Amino acid sequence: MKRRRLVFSTPLVVITACGERPVEHHPRPRIARVTHDAGPSAPRELVDELPPLSPDKTREEACRNAHCNPPPPTQVPRPPAKPEFVEPVVARVTAMKREPTGTRVRMNRPDERMDEKWRATFITRTGFAVPQGDCTIVAWSFQELECTSPLAPEQLAEDGSALKLRVVPPQELVDRIERQRGR
């Protein structure tokens, strides 16, 4: 059997420079930078419409309406011997909507015990409360909370992103857990 070889060739290009080419320097025009205070900017979390909250309030309801992997347990789990402490939580804003009376804010719900009784307040990046930055919780689902604030979205933002919220539990819940843990 006769074998054939296929040979590819690549052309070689050599560029040589003989002598120096004169370089022309053109002065660049100076761009005048206008510095003016444009005021606060809208946060990137600002949306035109907020989708409705899911009606699911518990993990079982959320898994019933979605295909959870693994599925929820068929037995009701026993409560822990001592309930966990309840503390203020810092929540991240996921969406904001401008309203005539202020701003409607959607945030994540990191604690399953959160509901309308909890209090939310916007905080600065250094952890201080924003003046008049209270946000009243008006609705909740398994994964999200929704609150309303009298401030505009621009007042609830810093460097183009929304400030975080400190969500504080109601005193009655704290007292009840303390009593249960004391037993």
N, C-alpha and C. Protein backbone atom coordinates (compact mmCIF):
# COMPACT_ATOMS: atom_id res chain seq x y z
N MET A 1 0.83 -1.17 0.00
CA MET A 1 0.00 0.00 0.00
C MET A 1 0.88 1.24 0.00
N LYS A 2 0.53 2.14 -0.82
CA LYS A 2 1.35 3.33 -1.00
C LYS A 2 0.78 4.46 -0.15
N ARG A 3 1.64 5.09 0.66
CA ARG A 3 1.19 6.20 1.51
C ARG A 3 1.55 7.52 0.86
N ARG A 4 0.64 8.43 1.01
CA ARG A 4 0.89 9.76 0.48
C ARG A 4 1.01 10.73 1.63
N ARG A 5 1.88 11.63 1.48
CA ARG A 5 2.03 12.67 2.49
C ARG A 5 1.53 13.98 1.94
N LEU A 6 0.85 14.65 2.83
CA LEU A 6 0.33 15.96 2.46
C LEU A 6 1.13 16.98 3.25
N VAL A 7 1.75 17.87 2.58
CA VAL A 7 2.61 18.85 3.22
C VAL A 7 1.97 20.22 3.05
N PHE A 8 1.86 20.91 4.21
CA PHE A 8 1.33 22.27 4.18
C PHE A 8 2.50 23.22 4.31
N SER A 9 2.43 24.29 3.58
CA SER A 9 3.50 25.29 3.70
C SER A 9 2.87 26.62 4.08
N THR A 10 3.56 27.33 4.91
CA THR A 10 3.11 28.63 5.36
C THR A 10 4.07 29.67 4.81
N PRO A 11 3.53 30.69 4.18
CA PRO A 11 4.45 31.70 3.65
C PRO A 11 5.08 32.48 4.80
N LEU A 12 6.32 32.80 4.64
CA LEU A 12 7.06 33.55 5.65
C LEU A 12 7.20 34.97 5.14
N VAL A 13 6.76 35.90 5.97
CA VAL A 13 6.83 37.30 5.59
C VAL A 13 7.82 37.97 6.50
N VAL A 14 8.79 38.65 5.92
CA VAL A 14 9.80 39.36 6.69
C VAL A 14 9.71 40.82 6.33
N ILE A 15 9.58 41.63 7.39
CA ILE A 15 9.53 43.08 7.16
C ILE A 15 10.80 43.67 7.71
N THR A 16 11.44 44.42 6.90
CA THR A 16 12.68 45.07 7.34
C THR A 16 12.48 46.56 7.25
N ALA A 17 13.11 47.24 8.18
CA ALA A 17 13.02 48.69 8.18
C ALA A 17 14.41 49.24 7.97
N CYS A 18 14.52 50.04 6.99
CA CYS A 18 15.81 50.66 6.75
C CYS A 18 15.65 52.16 6.90
N GLY A 19 16.23 52.68 7.91
CA GLY A 19 16.13 54.10 8.16
C GLY A 19 15.02 54.39 9.16
N GLU A 20 15.04 55.60 9.64
CA GLU A 20 14.04 56.00 10.62
C GLU A 20 12.93 56.79 9.95
N ARG A 21 11.75 56.52 10.41
CA ARG A 21 10.59 57.24 9.90
C ARG A 21 10.32 58.40 10.85
N PRO A 22 10.09 59.58 10.35
CA PRO A 22 9.85 60.70 11.25
C PRO A 22 8.50 60.53 11.97
N VAL A 23 8.50 60.83 13.26
CA VAL A 23 7.30 60.72 14.07
C VAL A 23 6.73 62.11 14.26
N GLU A 24 5.45 62.25 13.99
CA GLU A 24 4.79 63.54 14.17
C GLU A 24 4.02 63.51 15.49
N HIS A 25 4.27 64.51 16.31
CA HIS A 25 3.55 64.61 17.58
C HIS A 25 2.48 65.67 17.45
N HIS A 26 1.24 65.23 17.66
CA HIS A 26 0.13 66.16 17.65
C HIS A 26 -0.33 66.37 19.09
N PRO A 27 -0.44 67.58 19.49
CA PRO A 27 -0.90 67.79 20.87
C PRO A 27 -2.36 67.35 21.01
N ARG A 28 -2.64 66.62 22.10
CA ARG A 28 -4.01 66.18 22.35
C ARG A 28 -4.82 67.35 22.89
N PRO A 29 -6.03 67.48 22.39
CA PRO A 29 -6.86 68.57 22.92
C PRO A 29 -7.26 68.24 24.36
N ARG A 30 -7.26 69.23 25.22
CA ARG A 30 -7.65 69.05 26.61
C ARG A 30 -9.16 69.00 26.70
N ILE A 31 -9.63 68.00 27.43
CA ILE A 31 -11.06 67.85 27.62
C ILE A 31 -11.42 68.50 28.95
N ALA A 32 -12.30 69.44 28.86
CA ALA A 32 -12.74 70.11 30.09
C ALA A 32 -13.73 69.21 30.80
N ARG A 33 -13.41 68.85 32.02
CA ARG A 33 -14.31 68.02 32.80
C ARG A 33 -15.24 68.91 33.60
N VAL A 34 -16.51 68.65 33.43
CA VAL A 34 -17.51 69.42 34.14
C VAL A 34 -17.84 68.66 35.41
N THR A 35 -17.63 69.28 36.53
CA THR A 35 -17.97 68.66 37.79
C THR A 35 -19.14 69.41 38.38
N HIS A 36 -20.25 68.72 38.40
CA HIS A 36 -21.43 69.31 39.01
C HIS A 36 -22.11 68.24 39.83
N ASP A 37 -22.84 68.65 40.82
CA ASP A 37 -23.53 67.71 41.68
C ASP A 37 -24.82 67.30 41.02
N ALA A 38 -24.86 66.07 40.56
CA ALA A 38 -26.04 65.58 39.87
C ALA A 38 -27.10 65.08 40.84
N GLY A 39 -26.78 65.10 42.12
CA GLY A 39 -27.72 64.62 43.12
C GLY A 39 -27.62 63.11 43.26
N PRO A 40 -28.41 62.55 44.15
CA PRO A 40 -28.33 61.10 44.33
C PRO A 40 -28.88 60.36 43.12
N SER A 41 -28.30 59.22 42.85
CA SER A 41 -28.75 58.43 41.70
C SER A 41 -29.69 57.32 42.17
N ALA A 42 -30.50 56.87 41.26
CA ALA A 42 -31.45 55.80 41.57
C ALA A 42 -30.70 54.49 41.76
N PRO A 43 -31.11 53.67 42.72
CA PRO A 43 -30.43 52.39 42.93
C PRO A 43 -30.72 51.40 41.81
N ARG A 44 -29.80 50.48 41.58
CA ARG A 44 -29.98 49.50 40.52
C ARG A 44 -31.09 48.50 40.85
N GLU A 45 -31.53 48.43 42.10
CA GLU A 45 -32.62 47.54 42.48
C GLU A 45 -34.00 48.11 42.14
N LEU A 46 -34.06 49.34 41.67
CA LEU A 46 -35.33 50.00 41.35
C LEU A 46 -35.93 49.37 40.10
N VAL A 47 -37.19 48.93 40.21
CA VAL A 47 -37.89 48.30 39.10
C VAL A 47 -39.21 49.01 38.86
N ASP A 48 -39.78 48.81 37.67
CA ASP A 48 -41.07 49.42 37.35
C ASP A 48 -42.23 48.68 38.02
N GLU A 49 -42.15 47.35 38.06
CA GLU A 49 -43.22 46.54 38.64
C GLU A 49 -42.62 45.45 39.51
N LEU A 50 -43.22 45.22 40.66
CA LEU A 50 -42.83 44.11 41.52
C LEU A 50 -43.76 42.93 41.24
N PRO A 51 -43.22 41.75 40.99
CA PRO A 51 -44.10 40.60 40.80
C PRO A 51 -44.80 40.28 42.12
N PRO A 52 -45.97 39.69 42.08
CA PRO A 52 -46.67 39.39 43.34
C PRO A 52 -45.88 38.38 44.18
N LEU A 53 -46.03 38.50 45.49
CA LEU A 53 -45.38 37.55 46.38
C LEU A 53 -46.04 36.17 46.25
N SER A 54 -45.28 35.15 46.48
CA SER A 54 -45.81 33.79 46.46
C SER A 54 -46.75 33.61 47.65
N PRO A 55 -47.83 32.86 47.47
CA PRO A 55 -48.73 32.63 48.61
C PRO A 55 -48.16 31.64 49.62
N ASP A 56 -47.04 30.98 49.30
CA ASP A 56 -46.45 29.98 50.19
C ASP A 56 -45.87 30.66 51.42
N LYS A 57 -46.23 30.13 52.60
CA LYS A 57 -45.74 30.68 53.86
C LYS A 57 -44.81 29.73 54.60
N THR A 58 -44.86 28.43 54.30
CA THR A 58 -44.01 27.45 54.99
C THR A 58 -43.20 26.66 53.97
N ARG A 59 -42.22 25.92 54.48
CA ARG A 59 -41.38 25.09 53.61
C ARG A 59 -42.22 24.01 52.93
N GLU A 60 -43.18 23.44 53.66
CA GLU A 60 -44.03 22.39 53.09
C GLU A 60 -44.86 22.94 51.93
N GLU A 61 -45.42 24.14 52.10
CA GLU A 61 -46.20 24.75 51.02
C GLU A 61 -45.33 25.05 49.82
N ALA A 62 -44.13 25.54 50.06
CA ALA A 62 -43.22 25.86 48.95
C ALA A 62 -42.83 24.60 48.20
N CYS A 63 -42.60 23.49 48.91
CA CYS A 63 -42.23 22.24 48.25
C CYS A 63 -43.42 21.59 47.57
N ARG A 64 -44.62 21.81 48.08
CA ARG A 64 -45.81 21.26 47.45
C ARG A 64 -46.04 21.91 46.09
N ASN A 65 -45.76 23.20 45.97
CA ASN A 65 -45.99 23.93 44.73
C ASN A 65 -44.80 23.88 43.77
N ALA A 66 -43.69 23.39 44.23
CA ALA A 66 -42.51 23.24 43.37
C ALA A 66 -41.99 21.81 43.58
N HIS A 67 -41.11 21.39 42.74
CA HIS A 67 -40.56 20.05 42.89
C HIS A 67 -39.27 20.17 43.68
N CYS A 68 -39.36 19.94 44.99
CA CYS A 68 -38.19 20.05 45.85
C CYS A 68 -37.37 18.77 45.78
N ASN A 69 -36.10 18.93 45.86
CA ASN A 69 -35.21 17.80 45.88
C ASN A 69 -34.28 17.97 47.07
N PRO A 70 -34.34 17.21 48.10
CA PRO A 70 -35.24 16.10 48.34
C PRO A 70 -36.62 16.59 48.75
N PRO A 71 -37.63 15.72 48.64
CA PRO A 71 -38.98 16.14 49.03
C PRO A 71 -39.06 16.38 50.53
N PRO A 72 -40.05 17.15 50.97
CA PRO A 72 -40.16 17.42 52.39
C PRO A 72 -40.48 16.15 53.16
N PRO A 73 -40.12 16.09 54.43
CA PRO A 73 -40.41 14.87 55.20
C PRO A 73 -41.92 14.68 55.36
N THR A 74 -42.34 13.42 55.40
CA THR A 74 -43.77 13.13 55.54
C THR A 74 -44.20 13.27 56.99
N GLN A 75 -43.28 13.12 57.92
CA GLN A 75 -43.61 13.28 59.32
C GLN A 75 -43.34 14.72 59.73
N VAL A 76 -44.11 15.17 60.70
CA VAL A 76 -43.87 16.50 61.24
C VAL A 76 -42.68 16.40 62.18
N PRO A 77 -41.62 17.15 61.94
CA PRO A 77 -40.44 17.03 62.80
C PRO A 77 -40.74 17.57 64.20
N ARG A 78 -40.11 16.96 65.18
CA ARG A 78 -40.27 17.43 66.55
C ARG A 78 -39.54 18.74 66.73
N PRO A 79 -40.11 19.65 67.50
CA PRO A 79 -39.40 20.90 67.73
C PRO A 79 -38.15 20.65 68.56
N PRO A 80 -37.14 21.47 68.41
CA PRO A 80 -35.92 21.27 69.20
C PRO A 80 -36.22 21.44 70.69
N ALA A 81 -35.38 20.84 71.51
CA ALA A 81 -35.58 20.89 72.95
C ALA A 81 -35.63 22.34 73.42
N LYS A 82 -34.70 23.15 72.94
CA LYS A 82 -34.70 24.57 73.28
C LYS A 82 -34.75 25.36 71.98
N PRO A 83 -35.69 26.30 71.87
CA PRO A 83 -35.74 27.09 70.64
C PRO A 83 -34.49 27.97 70.51
N GLU A 84 -34.14 28.26 69.27
CA GLU A 84 -32.97 29.09 69.02
C GLU A 84 -33.25 30.52 69.44
N PHE A 85 -32.17 31.22 69.80
CA PHE A 85 -32.29 32.63 70.13
C PHE A 85 -32.77 33.39 68.91
N VAL A 86 -33.48 34.45 69.13
CA VAL A 86 -33.93 35.30 68.04
C VAL A 86 -33.21 36.64 68.19
N GLU A 87 -32.58 37.08 67.11
CA GLU A 87 -31.78 38.30 67.13
C GLU A 87 -32.13 39.16 65.92
N PRO A 88 -31.74 40.44 65.97
CA PRO A 88 -31.90 41.28 64.77
C PRO A 88 -31.09 40.70 63.61
N VAL A 89 -31.63 40.84 62.41
CA VAL A 89 -31.01 40.27 61.22
C VAL A 89 -30.83 41.39 60.20
N VAL A 90 -29.73 41.36 59.46
CA VAL A 90 -29.52 42.31 58.37
C VAL A 90 -29.96 41.63 57.08
N ALA A 91 -30.92 42.26 56.39
CA ALA A 91 -31.48 41.69 55.16
C ALA A 91 -31.06 42.54 53.96
N ARG A 92 -30.89 41.89 52.83
CA ARG A 92 -30.50 42.54 51.58
C ARG A 92 -31.75 42.87 50.76
N VAL A 93 -31.77 44.06 50.21
CA VAL A 93 -32.88 44.49 49.36
C VAL A 93 -32.73 43.84 47.99
N THR A 94 -33.82 43.21 47.50
CA THR A 94 -33.76 42.57 46.19
C THR A 94 -34.44 43.41 45.10
N ALA A 95 -35.43 44.23 45.49
CA ALA A 95 -36.11 45.08 44.51
C ALA A 95 -36.80 46.24 45.23
N MET A 96 -36.97 47.35 44.50
CA MET A 96 -37.67 48.53 45.02
C MET A 96 -38.59 49.05 43.94
N LYS A 97 -39.73 49.61 44.36
CA LYS A 97 -40.66 50.20 43.41
C LYS A 97 -41.10 51.55 43.95
N ARG A 98 -41.05 52.54 43.09
CA ARG A 98 -41.46 53.89 43.47
C ARG A 98 -42.98 53.93 43.57
N GLU A 99 -43.49 54.55 44.64
CA GLU A 99 -44.93 54.70 44.85
C GLU A 99 -45.22 56.16 45.18
N PRO A 100 -46.47 56.59 45.06
CA PRO A 100 -46.80 57.99 45.36
C PRO A 100 -46.48 58.38 46.81
N THR A 101 -46.57 57.43 47.73
CA THR A 101 -46.32 57.74 49.14
C THR A 101 -44.91 57.42 49.59
N GLY A 102 -44.05 56.96 48.70
CA GLY A 102 -42.68 56.61 49.08
C GLY A 102 -42.15 55.48 48.23
N THR A 103 -41.71 54.40 48.89
CA THR A 103 -41.09 53.29 48.18
C THR A 103 -41.58 51.97 48.76
N ARG A 104 -41.88 51.03 47.89
CA ARG A 104 -42.19 49.65 48.30
C ARG A 104 -40.92 48.86 48.11
N VAL A 105 -40.50 48.13 49.13
CA VAL A 105 -39.21 47.46 49.14
C VAL A 105 -39.42 45.96 49.32
N ARG A 106 -38.73 45.17 48.51
CA ARG A 106 -38.75 43.71 48.61
C ARG A 106 -37.38 43.28 49.11
N MET A 107 -37.35 42.42 50.13
CA MET A 107 -36.09 41.95 50.70
C MET A 107 -36.15 40.45 50.94
N ASN A 108 -34.97 39.84 51.11
CA ASN A 108 -34.94 38.42 51.41
C ASN A 108 -35.41 38.19 52.85
N ARG A 109 -35.86 36.98 53.15
CA ARG A 109 -36.37 36.63 54.47
C ARG A 109 -35.47 35.55 55.05
N PRO A 110 -34.41 35.93 55.77
CA PRO A 110 -33.44 34.93 56.24
C PRO A 110 -33.91 34.11 57.44
N ASP A 111 -34.94 34.55 58.15
CA ASP A 111 -35.42 33.82 59.32
C ASP A 111 -36.88 33.42 59.09
N GLU A 112 -37.21 32.15 59.28
CA GLU A 112 -38.56 31.67 59.03
C GLU A 112 -39.59 32.26 59.98
N ARG A 113 -39.15 32.84 61.08
CA ARG A 113 -40.09 33.40 62.05
C ARG A 113 -40.51 34.82 61.72
N MET A 114 -39.95 35.40 60.67
CA MET A 114 -40.25 36.80 60.32
C MET A 114 -41.67 36.93 59.76
N ASP A 115 -42.37 37.97 60.22
CA ASP A 115 -43.69 38.30 59.70
C ASP A 115 -43.93 39.80 59.89
N GLU A 116 -45.20 40.23 59.84
CA GLU A 116 -45.51 41.66 59.91
C GLU A 116 -45.20 42.30 61.26
N LYS A 117 -44.99 41.49 62.29
CA LYS A 117 -44.72 42.05 63.62
C LYS A 117 -43.28 42.54 63.77
N TRP A 118 -42.39 42.10 62.92
CA TRP A 118 -40.99 42.52 63.00
C TRP A 118 -40.89 43.96 62.51
N ARG A 119 -39.84 44.68 62.94
CA ARG A 119 -39.60 46.07 62.53
C ARG A 119 -38.35 46.13 61.65
N ALA A 120 -38.45 46.88 60.57
CA ALA A 120 -37.32 47.01 59.64
C ALA A 120 -36.89 48.47 59.58
N THR A 121 -35.57 48.69 59.54
CA THR A 121 -34.99 50.03 59.45
C THR A 121 -33.81 49.98 58.49
N PHE A 122 -33.74 50.96 57.59
CA PHE A 122 -32.58 51.04 56.70
C PHE A 122 -31.36 51.48 57.49
N ILE A 123 -30.22 50.87 57.15
CA ILE A 123 -28.96 51.23 57.81
C ILE A 123 -27.92 51.61 56.77
N THR A 124 -27.01 52.48 57.16
CA THR A 124 -25.91 52.89 56.28
C THR A 124 -24.88 51.77 56.23
N ARG A 125 -23.89 51.93 55.40
CA ARG A 125 -22.84 50.91 55.28
C ARG A 125 -22.05 50.77 56.58
N THR A 126 -22.04 51.81 57.41
CA THR A 126 -21.33 51.76 58.68
C THR A 126 -22.20 51.21 59.80
N GLY A 127 -23.48 50.92 59.54
CA GLY A 127 -24.35 50.30 60.52
C GLY A 127 -25.26 51.24 61.28
N PHE A 128 -25.24 52.53 60.96
CA PHE A 128 -26.11 53.48 61.63
C PHE A 128 -27.46 53.55 60.92
N ALA A 129 -28.51 53.80 61.70
CA ALA A 129 -29.86 53.90 61.14
C ALA A 129 -30.00 55.16 60.30
N VAL A 130 -30.67 55.04 59.17
CA VAL A 130 -30.96 56.19 58.31
C VAL A 130 -32.06 57.02 58.98
N PRO A 131 -31.91 58.35 59.06
CA PRO A 131 -32.97 59.16 59.65
C PRO A 131 -34.28 58.96 58.90
N GLN A 132 -35.34 58.71 59.62
CA GLN A 132 -36.68 58.45 59.08
C GLN A 132 -36.66 57.25 58.13
N GLY A 133 -35.76 56.30 58.37
CA GLY A 133 -35.59 55.16 57.48
C GLY A 133 -36.36 53.92 57.90
N ASP A 134 -37.41 54.10 58.72
CA ASP A 134 -38.23 52.94 59.10
C ASP A 134 -38.99 52.43 57.89
N CYS A 135 -39.15 51.12 57.82
CA CYS A 135 -39.86 50.47 56.73
C CYS A 135 -40.88 49.51 57.35
N THR A 136 -42.16 49.76 57.14
CA THR A 136 -43.22 48.97 57.74
C THR A 136 -43.46 47.71 56.91
N ILE A 137 -43.34 46.55 57.54
CA ILE A 137 -43.54 45.28 56.84
C ILE A 137 -45.04 45.10 56.60
N VAL A 138 -45.41 44.93 55.33
CA VAL A 138 -46.82 44.83 54.96
C VAL A 138 -47.21 43.46 54.42
N ALA A 139 -46.25 42.67 53.94
CA ALA A 139 -46.56 41.35 53.39
C ALA A 139 -45.31 40.47 53.48
N TRP A 140 -45.54 39.15 53.46
CA TRP A 140 -44.42 38.23 53.48
C TRP A 140 -44.80 36.91 52.83
N SER A 141 -43.78 36.20 52.36
CA SER A 141 -43.95 34.86 51.82
C SER A 141 -42.84 34.00 52.40
N PHE A 142 -42.72 32.78 51.92
CA PHE A 142 -41.71 31.87 52.45
C PHE A 142 -40.29 32.43 52.26
N GLN A 143 -40.04 33.12 51.16
CA GLN A 143 -38.68 33.58 50.87
C GLN A 143 -38.47 35.08 50.99
N GLU A 144 -39.53 35.88 50.95
CA GLU A 144 -39.35 37.33 50.89
C GLU A 144 -40.28 38.07 51.84
N LEU A 145 -39.84 39.29 52.20
CA LEU A 145 -40.66 40.24 52.96
C LEU A 145 -40.85 41.46 52.09
N GLU A 146 -41.95 42.16 52.32
CA GLU A 146 -42.20 43.40 51.58
C GLU A 146 -42.56 44.47 52.60
N CYS A 147 -41.94 45.65 52.47
CA CYS A 147 -42.22 46.74 53.39
C CYS A 147 -42.36 48.04 52.61
N THR A 148 -42.91 49.05 53.27
CA THR A 148 -43.07 50.36 52.64
C THR A 148 -42.34 51.40 53.48
N SER A 149 -41.72 52.34 52.79
CA SER A 149 -40.98 53.42 53.43
C SER A 149 -41.46 54.76 52.87
N PRO A 150 -41.53 55.80 53.70
CA PRO A 150 -41.94 57.10 53.18
C PRO A 150 -40.85 57.81 52.37
N LEU A 151 -39.62 57.30 52.39
CA LEU A 151 -38.52 57.93 51.67
C LEU A 151 -38.50 57.50 50.20
N ALA A 152 -37.91 58.34 49.36
CA ALA A 152 -37.75 58.05 47.94
C ALA A 152 -36.64 57.02 47.74
N PRO A 153 -36.65 56.28 46.64
CA PRO A 153 -35.59 55.28 46.40
C PRO A 153 -34.18 55.88 46.40
N GLU A 154 -34.05 57.12 45.94
CA GLU A 154 -32.73 57.76 45.92
C GLU A 154 -32.20 58.01 47.34
N GLN A 155 -33.11 58.18 48.29
CA GLN A 155 -32.70 58.40 49.68
C GLN A 155 -32.33 57.09 50.37
N LEU A 156 -32.68 55.98 49.76
CA LEU A 156 -32.41 54.67 50.33
C LEU A 156 -31.27 53.96 49.62
N ALA A 157 -30.46 54.74 48.90
CA ALA A 157 -29.36 54.17 48.13
C ALA A 157 -28.06 54.90 48.44
N GLU A 158 -26.98 54.20 48.20
CA GLU A 158 -25.65 54.77 48.36
C GLU A 158 -24.76 54.15 47.28
N ASP A 159 -24.10 54.96 46.51
CA ASP A 159 -23.22 54.51 45.43
C ASP A 159 -23.94 53.61 44.42
N GLY A 160 -25.20 53.91 44.13
CA GLY A 160 -25.94 53.20 43.10
C GLY A 160 -26.57 51.89 43.53
N SER A 161 -26.45 51.51 44.80
CA SER A 161 -27.11 50.29 45.25
C SER A 161 -27.89 50.57 46.53
N ALA A 162 -28.92 49.78 46.74
CA ALA A 162 -29.80 49.99 47.89
C ALA A 162 -29.09 49.66 49.19
N LEU A 163 -29.43 50.41 50.23
CA LEU A 163 -28.91 50.13 51.56
C LEU A 163 -29.54 48.85 52.09
N LYS A 164 -28.93 48.25 53.09
CA LYS A 164 -29.49 47.06 53.71
C LYS A 164 -30.46 47.45 54.81
N LEU A 165 -31.23 46.48 55.26
CA LEU A 165 -32.22 46.69 56.31
C LEU A 165 -31.86 45.88 57.54
N ARG A 166 -32.01 46.50 58.70
CA ARG A 166 -31.90 45.76 59.95
C ARG A 166 -33.32 45.40 60.37
N VAL A 167 -33.59 44.11 60.49
CA VAL A 167 -34.93 43.64 60.84
C VAL A 167 -34.88 43.12 62.28
N VAL A 168 -35.68 43.75 63.16
CA VAL A 168 -35.65 43.48 64.60
C VAL A 168 -36.90 42.70 64.99
N PRO A 169 -36.74 41.63 65.79
CA PRO A 169 -37.91 40.85 66.19
C PRO A 169 -38.75 41.60 67.21
N PRO A 170 -40.04 41.25 67.31
CA PRO A 170 -40.89 41.88 68.32
C PRO A 170 -40.48 41.41 69.72
N GLN A 171 -40.64 42.28 70.69
CA GLN A 171 -40.23 41.97 72.05
C GLN A 171 -40.99 40.76 72.62
N GLU A 172 -42.27 40.60 72.24
CA GLU A 172 -43.05 39.46 72.74
C GLU A 172 -42.47 38.13 72.29
N LEU A 173 -41.92 38.07 71.08
CA LEU A 173 -41.28 36.84 70.60
C LEU A 173 -40.00 36.57 71.37
N VAL A 174 -39.20 37.61 71.60
CA VAL A 174 -37.96 37.46 72.35
C VAL A 174 -38.26 36.96 73.76
N ASP A 175 -39.27 37.55 74.41
CA ASP A 175 -39.63 37.14 75.77
C ASP A 175 -40.13 35.70 75.80
N ARG A 176 -40.96 35.32 74.82
CA ARG A 176 -41.50 33.96 74.78
C ARG A 176 -40.37 32.93 74.62
N ILE A 177 -39.42 33.21 73.76
CA ILE A 177 -38.30 32.29 73.57
C ILE A 177 -37.43 32.22 74.82
N GLU A 178 -37.23 33.35 75.48
CA GLU A 178 -36.46 33.34 76.72
C GLU A 178 -37.15 32.49 77.78
N ARG A 179 -38.48 32.58 77.88
CA ARG A 179 -39.21 31.76 78.84
C ARG A 179 -39.08 30.27 78.49
N GLN A 180 -39.18 29.94 77.20
CA GLN A 180 -39.06 28.55 76.78
C GLN A 180 -37.66 28.00 77.04
N ARG A 181 -36.67 28.83 76.81
CA ARG A 181 -35.29 28.39 77.04
C ARG A 181 -35.00 28.26 78.53
N GLY A 182 -35.71 29.03 79.38
CA GLY A 182 -35.51 28.98 80.83
C GLY A 182 -36.07 27.71 81.46
N ARG A 183 -37.03 27.08 80.81
CA ARG A 183 -37.62 25.85 81.36
C ARG A 183 -36.70 24.69 81.30
